[in-house]
């Protein structure tokens, strides 16, 4: 059983839309492949490229400083995205 996500007082409608979008992405695209990744011992490059194409990586870096074909190291997706992914696997 997981704890419900408690709303933060600093979140506005834009934050909630981002949260919903990230949760939907993880639930639809990552959760179904979790067993495959566990068995293989890693997530495929396509996984990170898709997350980057959807704007889920390097969100703390201004777009002007991001390389168009590169994303940050796979270990650096936005913390909120990681939290939503964890909660999505528990639902």
N, C-alpha and C. Protein backbone atom coordinates (compact mmCIF):
# COMPACT_ATOMS: atom_id res chain seq x y z
N UNK A 1 0.84 -1.18 0.00
CA UNK A 1 0.00 0.00 0.00
C UNK A 1 0.88 1.24 0.00
N UNK A 2 0.57 2.19 -0.83
CA UNK A 2 1.35 3.42 -0.87
C UNK A 2 0.58 4.57 -0.23
N UNK A 3 1.32 5.53 0.22
CA UNK A 3 0.70 6.72 0.80
C UNK A 3 0.21 7.62 -0.33
N UNK A 4 -0.91 8.28 -0.12
CA UNK A 4 -1.38 9.21 -1.15
C UNK A 4 -0.41 10.39 -1.25
N UNK A 5 -0.34 10.97 -2.43
CA UNK A 5 0.49 12.15 -2.59
C UNK A 5 -0.20 13.33 -1.92
N UNK A 6 0.52 14.01 -1.07
CA UNK A 6 -0.04 15.17 -0.39
C UNK A 6 0.22 16.40 -1.24
N UNK A 7 -0.80 17.21 -1.49
CA UNK A 7 -0.60 18.39 -2.31
C UNK A 7 0.31 19.40 -1.61
N UNK A 8 1.21 19.98 -2.38
CA UNK A 8 2.10 21.00 -1.85
C UNK A 8 1.47 22.37 -2.05
N UNK A 9 1.64 23.22 -1.07
CA UNK A 9 1.03 24.54 -1.15
C UNK A 9 1.63 25.40 -2.26
N UNK A 10 2.85 25.11 -2.68
CA UNK A 10 3.50 25.90 -3.72
C UNK A 10 3.10 25.48 -5.14
N UNK A 11 2.42 24.33 -5.28
CA UNK A 11 2.05 23.87 -6.61
C UNK A 11 0.86 24.65 -7.15
N UNK A 12 0.98 25.08 -8.41
CA UNK A 12 -0.13 25.76 -9.06
C UNK A 12 -0.68 24.85 -10.15
N UNK A 13 -1.60 25.36 -10.96
CA UNK A 13 -2.22 24.53 -11.99
C UNK A 13 -1.19 24.00 -13.00
N UNK A 14 -0.19 24.81 -13.32
CA UNK A 14 0.84 24.37 -14.27
C UNK A 14 1.64 23.19 -13.69
N UNK A 15 1.96 23.26 -12.40
CA UNK A 15 2.66 22.15 -11.76
C UNK A 15 1.81 20.88 -11.77
N UNK A 16 0.53 21.04 -11.48
CA UNK A 16 -0.36 19.87 -11.46
C UNK A 16 -0.51 19.26 -12.85
N UNK A 17 -0.54 20.11 -13.88
CA UNK A 17 -0.61 19.58 -15.25
C UNK A 17 0.66 18.81 -15.58
N UNK A 18 1.82 19.33 -15.17
CA UNK A 18 3.08 18.63 -15.38
C UNK A 18 3.07 17.30 -14.63
N UNK A 19 2.64 17.33 -13.39
CA UNK A 19 2.59 16.12 -12.58
C UNK A 19 1.70 15.06 -13.23
N UNK A 20 0.53 15.47 -13.72
CA UNK A 20 -0.38 14.54 -14.38
C UNK A 20 0.23 13.98 -15.66
N UNK A 21 0.89 14.84 -16.43
CA UNK A 21 1.52 14.42 -17.67
C UNK A 21 2.63 13.41 -17.41
N UNK A 22 3.46 13.69 -16.41
CA UNK A 22 4.57 12.79 -16.06
C UNK A 22 4.03 11.46 -15.56
N UNK A 23 3.03 11.51 -14.71
CA UNK A 23 2.44 10.27 -14.17
C UNK A 23 1.86 9.41 -15.30
N UNK A 24 1.18 10.06 -16.23
CA UNK A 24 0.59 9.32 -17.36
C UNK A 24 1.69 8.71 -18.22
N UNK A 25 2.75 9.47 -18.49
CA UNK A 25 3.86 8.96 -19.29
C UNK A 25 4.47 7.72 -18.64
N UNK A 26 4.78 7.81 -17.36
CA UNK A 26 5.39 6.66 -16.68
C UNK A 26 4.45 5.47 -16.64
N UNK A 27 3.20 5.72 -16.35
CA UNK A 27 2.23 4.63 -16.26
C UNK A 27 2.06 3.93 -17.62
N UNK A 28 2.00 4.71 -18.69
CA UNK A 28 1.77 4.13 -20.01
C UNK A 28 3.03 3.59 -20.68
N UNK A 29 4.17 4.25 -20.46
CA UNK A 29 5.37 3.91 -21.20
C UNK A 29 6.42 3.15 -20.41
N UNK A 30 6.55 3.40 -19.12
CA UNK A 30 7.62 2.77 -18.34
C UNK A 30 7.14 1.59 -17.51
N UNK A 31 6.04 1.72 -16.83
CA UNK A 31 5.57 0.65 -15.95
C UNK A 31 5.42 -0.68 -16.71
N UNK A 32 4.85 -0.68 -17.93
CA UNK A 32 4.71 -1.97 -18.64
C UNK A 32 6.05 -2.63 -18.97
N UNK A 33 7.14 -1.88 -18.99
CA UNK A 33 8.44 -2.45 -19.35
C UNK A 33 9.33 -2.73 -18.14
N UNK A 34 8.84 -2.47 -16.95
CA UNK A 34 9.66 -2.61 -15.74
C UNK A 34 10.24 -4.02 -15.58
N UNK A 35 9.44 -5.05 -15.82
CA UNK A 35 9.94 -6.42 -15.68
C UNK A 35 11.05 -6.71 -16.69
N UNK A 36 10.88 -6.23 -17.90
CA UNK A 36 11.90 -6.40 -18.95
C UNK A 36 13.23 -5.76 -18.51
N UNK A 37 13.14 -4.56 -17.95
CA UNK A 37 14.36 -3.87 -17.52
C UNK A 37 15.01 -4.56 -16.33
N UNK A 38 14.18 -5.04 -15.40
CA UNK A 38 14.74 -5.76 -14.25
C UNK A 38 15.49 -7.00 -14.72
N UNK A 39 14.88 -7.71 -15.63
CA UNK A 39 15.49 -8.94 -16.15
C UNK A 39 16.79 -8.63 -16.90
N UNK A 40 16.78 -7.57 -17.69
CA UNK A 40 17.96 -7.21 -18.45
C UNK A 40 19.01 -6.46 -17.65
N UNK A 41 18.63 -5.98 -16.48
CA UNK A 41 19.57 -5.27 -15.62
C UNK A 41 19.78 -3.81 -15.96
N UNK A 42 19.04 -3.31 -16.94
CA UNK A 42 19.16 -1.89 -17.29
C UNK A 42 18.00 -1.46 -18.18
N UNK A 43 17.83 -0.15 -18.25
CA UNK A 43 16.82 0.42 -19.14
C UNK A 43 17.51 0.76 -20.45
N UNK A 44 16.81 0.55 -21.54
CA UNK A 44 17.38 0.82 -22.85
C UNK A 44 17.53 2.30 -23.15
N UNK A 45 18.42 2.60 -24.07
CA UNK A 45 18.66 3.98 -24.49
C UNK A 45 17.37 4.62 -25.01
N UNK A 46 16.56 3.84 -25.73
CA UNK A 46 15.31 4.36 -26.28
C UNK A 46 14.40 4.92 -25.18
N UNK A 47 14.49 4.32 -24.00
CA UNK A 47 13.69 4.78 -22.86
C UNK A 47 14.03 6.22 -22.52
N UNK A 48 15.31 6.51 -22.43
CA UNK A 48 15.75 7.86 -22.07
C UNK A 48 15.53 8.84 -23.20
N UNK A 49 15.72 8.39 -24.44
CA UNK A 49 15.47 9.27 -25.58
C UNK A 49 14.00 9.67 -25.64
N UNK A 50 13.12 8.74 -25.37
CA UNK A 50 11.68 9.05 -25.37
C UNK A 50 11.34 10.02 -24.24
N UNK A 51 11.90 9.80 -23.07
CA UNK A 51 11.65 10.72 -21.96
C UNK A 51 12.17 12.11 -22.31
N UNK A 52 13.35 12.18 -22.91
CA UNK A 52 13.90 13.47 -23.32
C UNK A 52 13.05 14.15 -24.38
N UNK A 53 12.57 13.37 -25.35
CA UNK A 53 11.72 13.91 -26.41
C UNK A 53 10.42 14.47 -25.86
N UNK A 54 9.99 13.94 -24.72
CA UNK A 54 8.77 14.41 -24.07
C UNK A 54 9.04 15.52 -23.06
N UNK A 55 10.28 15.99 -23.01
CA UNK A 55 10.61 17.11 -22.13
C UNK A 55 10.73 16.76 -20.67
N UNK A 56 11.00 15.49 -20.36
CA UNK A 56 11.05 15.06 -18.96
C UNK A 56 12.45 15.02 -18.37
N UNK A 57 13.47 15.30 -19.17
CA UNK A 57 14.84 15.29 -18.67
C UNK A 57 15.43 16.70 -18.75
N UNK A 58 16.35 16.97 -17.87
CA UNK A 58 17.08 18.25 -17.87
C UNK A 58 16.16 19.45 -17.72
N UNK A 59 15.07 19.29 -17.02
CA UNK A 59 14.12 20.39 -16.91
C UNK A 59 14.65 21.55 -16.09
N UNK A 60 15.67 21.31 -15.29
CA UNK A 60 16.25 22.39 -14.50
C UNK A 60 17.30 23.19 -15.24
N UNK A 61 17.61 22.77 -16.47
CA UNK A 61 18.62 23.46 -17.28
C UNK A 61 17.89 24.29 -18.33
N UNK A 62 18.18 25.58 -18.42
CA UNK A 62 17.50 26.41 -19.43
C UNK A 62 17.70 25.81 -20.83
N UNK A 63 16.66 25.85 -21.62
CA UNK A 63 16.68 25.23 -22.94
C UNK A 63 17.83 25.75 -23.81
N UNK A 64 18.19 27.00 -23.66
CA UNK A 64 19.27 27.58 -24.45
C UNK A 64 20.60 26.87 -24.23
N UNK A 65 20.76 26.21 -23.07
CA UNK A 65 22.02 25.55 -22.74
C UNK A 65 21.99 24.04 -22.99
N UNK A 66 20.87 23.51 -23.41
CA UNK A 66 20.77 22.07 -23.66
C UNK A 66 21.16 21.75 -25.09
N UNK A 67 21.86 20.65 -25.27
CA UNK A 67 22.18 20.18 -26.62
C UNK A 67 20.92 19.58 -27.23
N UNK A 68 20.62 19.87 -28.49
CA UNK A 68 19.38 19.38 -29.08
C UNK A 68 19.28 17.87 -29.21
N UNK A 69 20.42 17.18 -29.33
CA UNK A 69 20.37 15.72 -29.51
C UNK A 69 20.83 14.97 -28.27
N UNK A 70 21.11 15.68 -27.22
CA UNK A 70 21.60 15.01 -26.02
C UNK A 70 20.68 15.31 -24.85
N UNK A 71 20.73 14.45 -23.90
CA UNK A 71 19.99 14.70 -22.67
C UNK A 71 20.99 14.58 -21.52
N UNK A 72 20.56 14.92 -20.36
CA UNK A 72 21.43 14.77 -19.20
C UNK A 72 21.66 13.28 -18.95
N UNK A 73 22.56 13.00 -18.06
CA UNK A 73 22.82 11.60 -17.71
C UNK A 73 21.52 10.94 -17.30
N UNK A 74 21.30 9.69 -17.66
CA UNK A 74 20.05 9.01 -17.33
C UNK A 74 19.70 9.05 -15.85
N UNK A 75 20.68 9.25 -15.00
CA UNK A 75 20.39 9.26 -13.57
C UNK A 75 19.84 10.60 -13.10
N UNK A 76 19.61 11.54 -14.01
CA UNK A 76 19.20 12.85 -13.57
C UNK A 76 17.82 13.32 -14.02
N UNK A 77 16.83 12.42 -14.15
CA UNK A 77 15.50 12.95 -14.46
C UNK A 77 15.00 13.74 -13.26
N UNK A 78 14.11 14.61 -13.53
CA UNK A 78 13.59 15.49 -12.50
C UNK A 78 13.09 14.67 -11.31
N UNK A 79 13.42 15.07 -10.08
CA UNK A 79 13.00 14.30 -8.90
C UNK A 79 11.51 14.04 -8.84
N UNK A 80 10.68 15.03 -9.23
CA UNK A 80 9.25 14.81 -9.19
C UNK A 80 8.86 13.68 -10.13
N UNK A 81 9.51 13.60 -11.29
CA UNK A 81 9.20 12.54 -12.24
C UNK A 81 9.52 11.19 -11.64
N UNK A 82 10.63 11.10 -10.95
CA UNK A 82 11.01 9.83 -10.31
C UNK A 82 10.01 9.46 -9.23
N UNK A 83 9.56 10.44 -8.47
CA UNK A 83 8.59 10.17 -7.42
C UNK A 83 7.27 9.69 -8.00
N UNK A 84 6.85 10.32 -9.08
CA UNK A 84 5.59 9.92 -9.72
C UNK A 84 5.73 8.52 -10.28
N UNK A 85 6.88 8.21 -10.87
CA UNK A 85 7.09 6.86 -11.42
C UNK A 85 6.99 5.82 -10.33
N UNK A 86 7.58 6.11 -9.19
CA UNK A 86 7.54 5.17 -8.07
C UNK A 86 6.10 4.97 -7.62
N UNK A 87 5.34 6.05 -7.52
CA UNK A 87 3.95 5.91 -7.07
C UNK A 87 3.11 5.20 -8.10
N UNK A 88 3.41 5.38 -9.39
CA UNK A 88 2.63 4.74 -10.45
C UNK A 88 2.80 3.24 -10.41
N UNK A 89 3.97 2.75 -10.01
CA UNK A 89 4.19 1.31 -9.98
C UNK A 89 3.49 0.66 -8.79
N UNK A 90 3.09 1.45 -7.84
CA UNK A 90 2.43 0.92 -6.63
C UNK A 90 0.92 0.95 -6.74
N UNK A 91 0.39 1.51 -7.78
CA UNK A 91 -1.08 1.64 -7.89
C UNK A 91 -1.72 0.38 -8.39
